Protein backbone atom coordinates (compact mmCIF):
# COMPACT_ATOMS: atom_id res chain seq x y z
CA LYS A 1 -54.94 -64.99 80.81
CA VAL A 2 -52.01 -64.00 82.97
CA SER A 3 -51.46 -60.61 84.59
CA ALA A 4 -48.74 -58.30 83.31
CA LYS A 5 -46.97 -58.38 86.68
CA ARG A 6 -46.76 -62.20 86.65
CA LEU A 7 -45.44 -62.26 83.07
CA TYR A 8 -42.88 -59.56 83.84
CA PHE A 9 -41.70 -61.32 86.97
CA ALA A 10 -41.38 -64.67 85.19
CA LEU A 11 -39.71 -63.41 82.01
CA VAL A 12 -37.54 -60.65 83.43
CA LYS A 13 -36.99 -60.76 87.18
CA ASP A 14 -36.92 -64.55 87.67
CA SER A 15 -35.90 -65.66 84.18
CA HIS A 16 -32.89 -67.60 85.49
CA ASN A 17 -35.23 -69.90 87.45
CA PHE A 18 -38.38 -69.70 85.37
CA LEU A 19 -37.29 -70.10 81.75
CA PRO A 20 -35.42 -73.44 82.11
CA LYS A 21 -38.36 -74.78 84.13
CA CYS A 22 -41.05 -73.54 81.73
CA LEU A 23 -39.23 -74.27 78.44
CA PRO A 24 -36.96 -77.20 79.40
CA ASP A 25 -36.61 -78.51 75.84
CA LYS A 26 -35.33 -75.14 74.62
CA ILE A 27 -33.55 -73.33 77.44
CA ALA A 28 -30.72 -74.96 79.37
CA ARG A 29 -29.96 -72.07 81.72
CA VAL A 30 -29.82 -68.31 82.20
CA GLU A 31 -26.70 -66.70 83.66
CA TYR A 32 -25.88 -63.18 84.80
CA GLU A 33 -22.69 -61.12 84.92
CA GLY A 34 -23.07 -58.27 87.37
CA THR A 35 -26.07 -57.56 89.57
CA PRO A 36 -29.02 -59.42 88.03
CA ASN A 37 -31.82 -57.35 86.56
CA LYS A 38 -30.09 -54.02 86.88
CA ALA A 39 -29.16 -51.69 84.04
CA GLY A 40 -25.71 -52.64 82.78
CA CYS A 41 -25.82 -56.30 83.75
CA ILE A 42 -25.26 -59.02 81.15
CA ARG A 43 -27.72 -61.89 80.77
CA THR A 44 -26.79 -64.99 78.79
CA VAL A 45 -29.51 -67.43 77.77
CA LYS A 46 -28.10 -70.86 76.82
CA PHE A 47 -30.22 -73.08 74.59
CA HIS A 48 -30.36 -76.86 74.08
CA LYS A 49 -29.26 -78.27 70.73
CA GLU A 50 -29.67 -75.01 68.87
CA ALA A 51 -33.37 -74.98 69.71
CA HIS A 52 -33.66 -71.47 68.29
CA GLY A 53 -31.09 -71.91 65.52
CA PHE A 54 -28.23 -70.79 67.79
CA LEU A 55 -26.72 -72.00 71.06
CA HIS A 56 -26.92 -68.83 73.11
CA VAL A 57 -27.75 -65.15 73.18
CA LYS A 58 -25.90 -62.64 75.34
CA GLU A 59 -27.80 -59.47 76.17
CA LYS A 60 -27.04 -56.29 78.09
CA ILE A 61 -29.88 -54.77 80.06
CA GLU A 62 -29.92 -51.13 78.94
CA GLU A 63 -33.03 -50.02 80.82
CA ILE A 64 -35.33 -51.68 83.32
CA ASN A 65 -38.30 -50.30 85.19
CA ASP A 66 -40.07 -52.60 87.64
CA GLU A 67 -42.94 -50.17 88.20
CA GLU A 68 -43.65 -49.63 84.50
CA LEU A 69 -42.92 -53.33 83.74
CA TYR A 70 -40.44 -52.41 81.03
CA VAL A 71 -37.05 -53.77 79.95
CA LYS A 72 -34.73 -52.94 77.05
CA PHE A 73 -31.86 -55.22 75.97
CA SER A 74 -29.00 -54.86 73.52
CA VAL A 75 -27.93 -58.12 71.91
CA LEU A 76 -24.17 -58.44 72.33
CA GLU A 77 -23.55 -61.92 70.95
CA GLY A 78 -25.39 -64.87 69.48
CA GLY A 79 -28.99 -64.89 68.41
CA PHE A 80 -29.76 -62.92 65.30
CA GLY A 81 -27.01 -60.49 66.27
CA ALA A 82 -24.67 -61.99 63.66
CA LEU A 83 -26.89 -60.53 60.93
CA PHE A 84 -26.93 -57.00 62.33
CA ARG A 85 -24.63 -54.23 63.55
CA HIS A 86 -26.85 -53.73 66.56
CA VAL A 87 -30.07 -55.18 67.89
CA LYS A 88 -32.13 -53.64 70.68
CA ILE A 89 -35.26 -55.31 71.97
CA THR A 90 -37.80 -53.68 74.27
CA PHE A 91 -40.53 -55.54 76.16
CA HIS A 92 -43.32 -53.56 77.82
CA PHE A 93 -45.89 -55.47 79.85
CA LYS A 94 -49.26 -53.77 80.39
CA GLU A 95 -52.39 -54.91 82.18
CA GLY A 96 -55.01 -56.08 79.72
CA PRO A 97 -58.61 -54.86 79.44
CA LEU A 98 -59.91 -57.78 81.53
CA PRO A 99 -58.75 -58.68 85.05
CA GLY A 100 -55.80 -61.07 85.01
CA THR A 101 -54.88 -60.39 81.38
CA ALA A 102 -51.86 -58.72 79.85
CA ILE A 103 -50.73 -56.99 76.70
CA LEU A 104 -47.09 -57.53 75.79
CA SER A 105 -45.59 -55.06 73.35
CA LEU A 106 -42.30 -55.85 71.69
CA LYS A 107 -40.14 -53.40 69.79
CA ALA A 108 -37.06 -54.51 67.88
CA GLU A 109 -34.55 -51.97 66.57
CA TYR A 110 -31.76 -53.14 64.31
CA GLU A 111 -29.31 -52.06 61.66
CA ALA A 112 -28.62 -54.68 59.01
CA ILE A 113 -25.04 -55.46 58.00
CA GLY A 114 -26.02 -55.81 54.34
CA GLU A 115 -28.90 -54.52 52.27
CA HIS A 116 -30.67 -57.86 52.15
CA HIS A 117 -30.58 -58.85 55.79
CA LYS A 118 -33.81 -58.74 57.74
CA PRO A 119 -34.98 -60.69 60.79
CA PRO A 120 -35.95 -64.27 59.94
CA GLU A 121 -39.71 -64.59 59.43
CA ASP A 122 -39.93 -67.62 61.70
CA GLY A 123 -38.34 -65.71 64.60
CA ARG A 124 -41.59 -63.89 65.31
CA GLU A 125 -43.60 -67.12 65.13
CA ARG A 126 -41.19 -68.90 67.50
CA LEU A 127 -41.43 -66.02 69.96
CA ILE A 128 -45.23 -66.09 69.86
CA GLY A 129 -45.16 -69.88 70.42
CA ASP A 130 -42.83 -69.45 73.39
CA ILE A 131 -45.02 -66.72 74.90
CA LYS A 132 -48.10 -68.95 74.53
CA ALA A 133 -46.23 -71.82 76.25
CA ILE A 134 -45.19 -69.47 79.06
CA GLU A 135 -48.77 -68.24 79.45
CA ALA A 136 -50.06 -71.84 79.57
CA TYR A 137 -47.44 -72.76 82.19
CA LEU A 138 -48.39 -69.81 84.39
CA GLN A 139 -52.10 -70.61 84.04
CA THR A 140 -51.52 -74.16 85.31
CA HIS A 141 -49.07 -73.11 88.05
CA ASN A 142 -50.99 -70.51 90.05
CA ASP A 143 -48.56 -70.94 92.93
CA TYR A 144 -45.74 -69.41 90.87
CA CYS A 145 -45.30 -65.70 91.69
């Protein structure tokens, strides 16, 4: 039970501070090349000990809209990008039906390198687990954003 604005701020606008604090066993740091959180900037998320099966993921912010709580990334390097010609991920945060709740929609677009490549099944489950941990952190840290 966290508002869409708080989730968006934590995961997108303040990810360089928030993610290593919220998921310290998984995320070592988040770095930016260019103006952070602007279309065209590069965000690199560095993981601990291959916590997600890889050491980092480098993403380019293609689109970002702070009013609509929307961000679209292209994966440039790392992550599941080695299995695909291109990967684009869109997050859209919407206020939920109850006060202080949110609906997070995720869209992944990709083109496989070979016929048999598809996103790993456990990737979705890991993402859901991370989102639940982030939600729990925000629920117990009301002073954050």
